């Protein structure tokens, strides 16, 4: 009977240790899951904001180039008109 009692005690202790370890692992996994999505979201937001800032900078640069081209084209047209008028006047 003492061998059976000893075996029962060992089995009970092993089950307790196993249950405790299982609880610890479950809590660790829950903590990991609770922390990781927030970290992933932060990384995603940082990456997306960097991409959007790059797009905004590129579009701003393109629009300023377009504006600059338009302005220079207008100036070129007005300068060429003035030059034509001056030539006409000079020919008279």
C-alpha atoms as a PDB file:
ATOM      1  CA  UNK A   1       0.000   0.000   0.000  1.00  0.00           C
ATOM      2  CA  UNK A   2       2.809   2.397   0.638  1.00  0.00           C
ATOM      3  CA  UNK A   3       4.046   1.970  -2.948  1.00  0.00           C
ATOM      4  CA  UNK A   4       0.597   2.757  -4.275  1.00  0.00           C
ATOM      5  CA  UNK A   5       0.331   5.752  -1.956  1.00  0.00           C
ATOM      6  CA  UNK A   6       3.766   6.977  -3.070  1.00  0.00           C
ATOM      7  CA  UNK A   7       2.829   6.591  -6.735  1.00  0.00           C
ATOM      8  CA  UNK A   8      -0.402   8.500  -6.163  1.00  0.00           C
ATOM      9  CA  UNK A   9       1.499  11.288  -4.415  1.00  0.00           C
ATOM     10  CA  UNK A  10       4.073  11.493  -7.237  1.00  0.00           C
ATOM     11  CA  UNK A  11       1.323  11.556  -9.871  1.00  0.00           C
ATOM     12  CA  UNK A  12      -0.534  14.243  -7.989  1.00  0.00           C
ATOM     13  CA  UNK A  13       2.632  16.339  -7.621  1.00  0.00           C
ATOM     14  CA  UNK A  14       3.407  15.925 -11.347  1.00  0.00           C
ATOM     15  CA  UNK A  15      -0.118  16.961 -12.274  1.00  0.00           C
ATOM     16  CA  UNK A  16       0.147  20.020 -10.054  1.00  0.00           C
ATOM     17  CA  UNK A  17       3.507  20.991 -11.561  1.00  0.00           C
ATOM     18  CA  UNK A  18       2.146  20.415 -15.073  1.00  0.00           C
ATOM     19  CA  UNK A  19      -0.929  22.503 -14.392  1.00  0.00           C
ATOM     20  CA  UNK A  20       1.195  25.284 -12.926  1.00  0.00           C
ATOM     21  CA  UNK A  21       3.531  25.248 -15.915  1.00  0.00           C
ATOM     22  CA  UNK A  22       0.549  25.242 -18.261  1.00  0.00           C
ATOM     23  CA  UNK A  23      -0.905  28.256 -16.497  1.00  0.00           C
ATOM     24  CA  UNK A  24       2.415  30.108 -16.704  1.00  0.00           C
ATOM     25  CA  UNK A  25       2.747  29.336 -20.420  1.00  0.00           C
ATOM     26  CA  UNK A  26      -0.844  30.430 -21.076  1.00  0.00           C
ATOM     27  CA  UNK A  27      -0.285  33.705 -19.252  1.00  0.00           C
ATOM     28  CA  UNK A  28       2.967  34.299 -21.121  1.00  0.00           C
ATOM     29  CA  UNK A  29       1.253  33.679 -24.460  1.00  0.00           C
ATOM     30  CA  UNK A  30      -1.615  35.988 -23.511  1.00  0.00           C
ATOM     31  CA  UNK A  31       0.824  38.710 -22.526  1.00  0.00           C
ATOM     32  CA  UNK A  32       2.723  38.268 -25.779  1.00  0.00           C
ATOM     33  CA  UNK A  33      -0.476  38.497 -27.815  1.00  0.00           C
ATOM     34  CA  UNK A  34      -1.577  41.538 -25.858  1.00  0.00           C
ATOM     35  CA  UNK A  35       1.669  43.360 -26.483  1.00  0.00           C
ATOM     36  CA  UNK A  36       2.511  42.385 -30.054  1.00  0.00           C
ATOM     37  CA  UNK A  37      -0.507  43.721 -31.924  1.00  0.00           C
ATOM     38  CA  UNK A  38      -0.012  47.147 -30.385  1.00  0.00           C
ATOM     39  CA  UNK A  39       3.635  47.091 -31.401  1.00  0.00           C
ATOM     40  CA  UNK A  40       2.708  45.943 -34.883  1.00  0.00           C
ATOM     41  CA  UNK A  41       0.095  48.673 -35.139  1.00  0.00           C
ATOM     42  CA  UNK A  42       2.635  51.271 -34.074  1.00  0.00           C
ATOM     43  CA  UNK A  43       5.122  50.037 -36.662  1.00  0.00           C
ATOM     44  CA  UNK A  44       2.440  49.974 -39.365  1.00  0.00           C
ATOM     45  CA  UNK A  45       1.323  53.490 -38.502  1.00  0.00           C
ATOM     46  CA  UNK A  46       4.895  54.750 -38.551  1.00  0.00           C
ATOM     47  CA  UNK A  47       5.546  53.135 -41.926  1.00  0.00           C
ATOM     48  CA  UNK A  48       2.294  54.388 -43.429  1.00  0.00           C
ATOM     49  CA  UNK A  49       2.873  57.912 -42.151  1.00  0.00           C
ATOM     50  CA  UNK A  50       6.371  57.860 -43.614  1.00  0.00           C
ATOM     51  CA  UNK A  51       4.983  56.706 -46.960  1.00  0.00           C
ATOM     52  CA  UNK A  52       2.253  59.341 -46.942  1.00  0.00           C
ATOM     53  CA  UNK A  53       4.755  62.044 -46.020  1.00  0.00           C
ATOM     54  CA  UNK A  54       6.936  60.942 -48.914  1.00  0.00           C
ATOM     55  CA  UNK A  55       3.960  61.040 -51.276  1.00  0.00           C
ATOM     56  CA  UNK A  56       3.001  64.499 -50.039  1.00  0.00           C
ATOM     57  CA  UNK A  57       6.551  65.745 -50.476  1.00  0.00           C
ATOM     58  CA  UNK A  58       6.764  64.311 -53.985  1.00  0.00           C
ATOM     59  CA  UNK A  59       3.416  65.786 -54.999  1.00  0.00           C
ATOM     60  CA  UNK A  60       4.352  69.147 -53.481  1.00  0.00           C
ATOM     61  CA  UNK A  61       7.626  69.066 -55.374  1.00  0.00           C
ATOM     62  CA  UNK A  62       5.851  68.139 -58.590  1.00  0.00           C
ATOM     63  CA  UNK A  63       3.224  70.816 -58.151  1.00  0.00           C
ATOM     64  CA  UNK A  64       5.856  73.442 -57.433  1.00  0.00           C
ATOM     65  CA  UNK A  65       7.745  72.316 -60.525  1.00  0.00           C
ATOM     66  CA  UNK A  66       4.543  72.598 -62.543  1.00  0.00           C
ATOM     67  CA  UNK A  67       3.881  76.037 -61.123  1.00  0.00           C
ATOM     68  CA  UNK A  68       7.443  77.039 -61.870  1.00  0.00           C
ATOM     69  CA  UNK A  69       7.169  75.754 -65.431  1.00  0.00           C
ATOM     70  CA  UNK A  70       3.901  77.597 -65.917  1.00  0.00           C
ATOM     71  CA  UNK A  71       5.375  80.810 -64.559  1.00  0.00           C
ATOM     72  CA  UNK A  72       8.470  80.509 -66.724  1.00  0.00           C
ATOM     73  CA  UNK A  73       6.308  79.744 -69.762  1.00  0.00           C
ATOM     74  CA  UNK A  74       4.205  82.836 -69.065  1.00  0.00           C
ATOM     75  CA  UNK A  75       7.307  84.946 -68.641  1.00  0.00           C
ATOM     76  CA  UNK A  76       8.800  83.505 -71.808  1.00  0.00           C
ATOM     77  CA  UNK A  77       5.626  84.286 -73.767  1.00  0.00           C
ATOM     78  CA  UNK A  78       5.446  87.827 -72.485  1.00  0.00           C
ATOM     79  CA  UNK A  79       9.149  88.360 -73.125  1.00  0.00           C
ATOM     80  CA  UNK A  80       8.869  87.014 -76.679  1.00  0.00           C
ATOM     81  CA  UNK A  81       5.828  89.242 -77.329  1.00  0.00           C
ATOM     82  CA  UNK A  82       7.731  92.245 -76.061  1.00  0.00           C
ATOM     83  CA  UNK A  83      10.691  91.293 -78.255  1.00  0.00           C
ATOM     84  CA  UNK A  84       8.425  90.984 -81.335  1.00  0.00           C
ATOM     85  CA  UNK A  85       6.894  94.380 -80.642  1.00  0.00           C
ATOM     86  CA  UNK A  86      10.339  95.872 -80.213  1.00  0.00           C
ATOM     87  CA  UNK A  87      11.455  94.379 -83.553  1.00  0.00           C
ATOM     88  CA  UNK A  88       8.357  95.727 -85.283  1.00  0.00           C
ATOM     89  CA  UNK A  89       9.004  99.174 -83.872  1.00  0.00           C
ATOM     90  CA  UNK A  90      12.674  98.964 -84.815  1.00  0.00           C
ATOM     91  CA  UNK A  91      11.808  98.036 -88.424  1.00  0.00           C
ATOM     92  CA  UNK A  92       9.684 101.170 -88.879  1.00  0.00           C
END
